[in-house]
Amino acid sequence: MKLWKLLGIAAFAGVAASGVVVARNQRRREAYTPDQVRERLHARLAEADRAS
């Protein structure tokens, strides 16, 4: 019985931790202005063209 309780607590902690990571990444993405996003996309496209 204790094993199941421990597994449940571990699963809950894992879900909570992944939610924190997703929220942090979302805030970082929303911090960019549209011009910054456009510049980053152009830079990534240029990098992909050079790699090909």
C-alpha atoms as a PDB file:
ATOM      1  CA  MET A   1       0.000   0.000   0.000  1.00  0.00           C
ATOM      2  CA  LYS A   2       2.823   2.424   0.819  1.00  0.00           C
ATOM      3  CA  LEU A   3       4.371   1.803  -2.607  1.00  0.00           C
ATOM      4  CA  TRP A   4       1.199   2.964  -4.373  1.00  0.00           C
ATOM      5  CA  LYS A   5       1.006   6.049  -2.210  1.00  0.00           C
ATOM      6  CA  LEU A   6       4.638   6.860  -2.976  1.00  0.00           C
ATOM      7  CA  LEU A   7       4.099   6.353  -6.702  1.00  0.00           C
ATOM      8  CA  GLY A   8       1.058   8.630  -6.612  1.00  0.00           C
ATOM      9  CA  ILE A   9       2.966  11.379  -4.849  1.00  0.00           C
ATOM     10  CA  ALA A  10       5.848  11.031  -7.316  1.00  0.00           C
ATOM     11  CA  ALA A  11       3.453  11.230 -10.278  1.00  0.00           C
ATOM     12  CA  PHE A  12       1.793  14.324  -8.827  1.00  0.00           C
ATOM     13  CA  ALA A  13       5.178  15.980  -8.314  1.00  0.00           C
ATOM     14  CA  GLY A  14       6.173  15.154 -11.892  1.00  0.00           C
ATOM     15  CA  VAL A  15       3.004  16.669 -13.337  1.00  0.00           C
ATOM     16  CA  ALA A  16       3.430  19.803 -11.225  1.00  0.00           C
ATOM     17  CA  ALA A  17       7.074  20.184 -12.256  1.00  0.00           C
ATOM     18  CA  SER A  18       6.264  19.811 -15.951  1.00  0.00           C
ATOM     19  CA  GLY A  19       3.533  22.448 -15.580  1.00  0.00           C
ATOM     20  CA  VAL A  20       6.054  24.862 -14.115  1.00  0.00           C
ATOM     21  CA  VAL A  21       8.426  24.268 -17.027  1.00  0.00           C
ATOM     22  CA  VAL A  22       5.655  24.824 -19.587  1.00  0.00           C
ATOM     23  CA  ALA A  23       4.541  28.048 -17.885  1.00  0.00           C
ATOM     24  CA  ARG A  24       8.113  29.354 -17.757  1.00  0.00           C
ATOM     25  CA  ASN A  25       8.644  28.645 -21.464  1.00  0.00           C
ATOM     26  CA  GLN A  26       5.344  30.312 -22.345  1.00  0.00           C
ATOM     27  CA  ARG A  27       6.284  33.480 -20.456  1.00  0.00           C
ATOM     28  CA  ARG A  28       9.655  33.550 -22.229  1.00  0.00           C
ATOM     29  CA  ARG A  29       7.935  33.233 -25.629  1.00  0.00           C
ATOM     30  CA  GLU A  30       5.419  35.965 -24.869  1.00  0.00           C
ATOM     31  CA  ALA A  31       8.205  38.358 -23.916  1.00  0.00           C
ATOM     32  CA  TYR A  32       9.258  38.727 -27.581  1.00  0.00           C
ATOM     33  CA  THR A  33       7.879  41.553 -29.684  1.00  0.00           C
ATOM     34  CA  PRO A  34       6.566  40.666 -33.154  1.00  0.00           C
ATOM     35  CA  ASP A  35       9.643  42.262 -34.713  1.00  0.00           C
ATOM     36  CA  GLN A  36      11.926  40.103 -32.574  1.00  0.00           C
ATOM     37  CA  VAL A  37      10.021  36.978 -33.559  1.00  0.00           C
ATOM     38  CA  ARG A  38      10.296  37.912 -37.237  1.00  0.00           C
ATOM     39  CA  GLU A  39      14.050  38.542 -36.898  1.00  0.00           C
ATOM     40  CA  ARG A  40      14.560  35.194 -35.156  1.00  0.00           C
ATOM     41  CA  LEU A  41      12.586  33.351 -37.832  1.00  0.00           C
ATOM     42  CA  HIS A  42      14.588  35.016 -40.602  1.00  0.00           C
ATOM     43  CA  ALA A  43      17.830  34.096 -38.841  1.00  0.00           C
ATOM     44  CA  ARG A  44      16.709  30.467 -38.450  1.00  0.00           C
ATOM     45  CA  LEU A  45      15.722  30.338 -42.136  1.00  0.00           C
ATOM     46  CA  ALA A  46      19.110  31.716 -43.177  1.00  0.00           C
ATOM     47  CA  GLU A  47      20.846  29.165 -40.967  1.00  0.00           C
ATOM     48  CA  ALA A  48      18.797  26.338 -42.488  1.00  0.00           C
ATOM     49  CA  ASP A  49      19.648  27.532 -46.013  1.00  0.00           C
ATOM     50  CA  ARG A  50      23.349  27.587 -45.161  1.00  0.00           C
ATOM     51  CA  ALA A  51      23.180  24.090 -43.690  1.00  0.00           C
ATOM     52  CA  SER A  52      21.497  22.672 -46.826  1.00  0.00           C
END
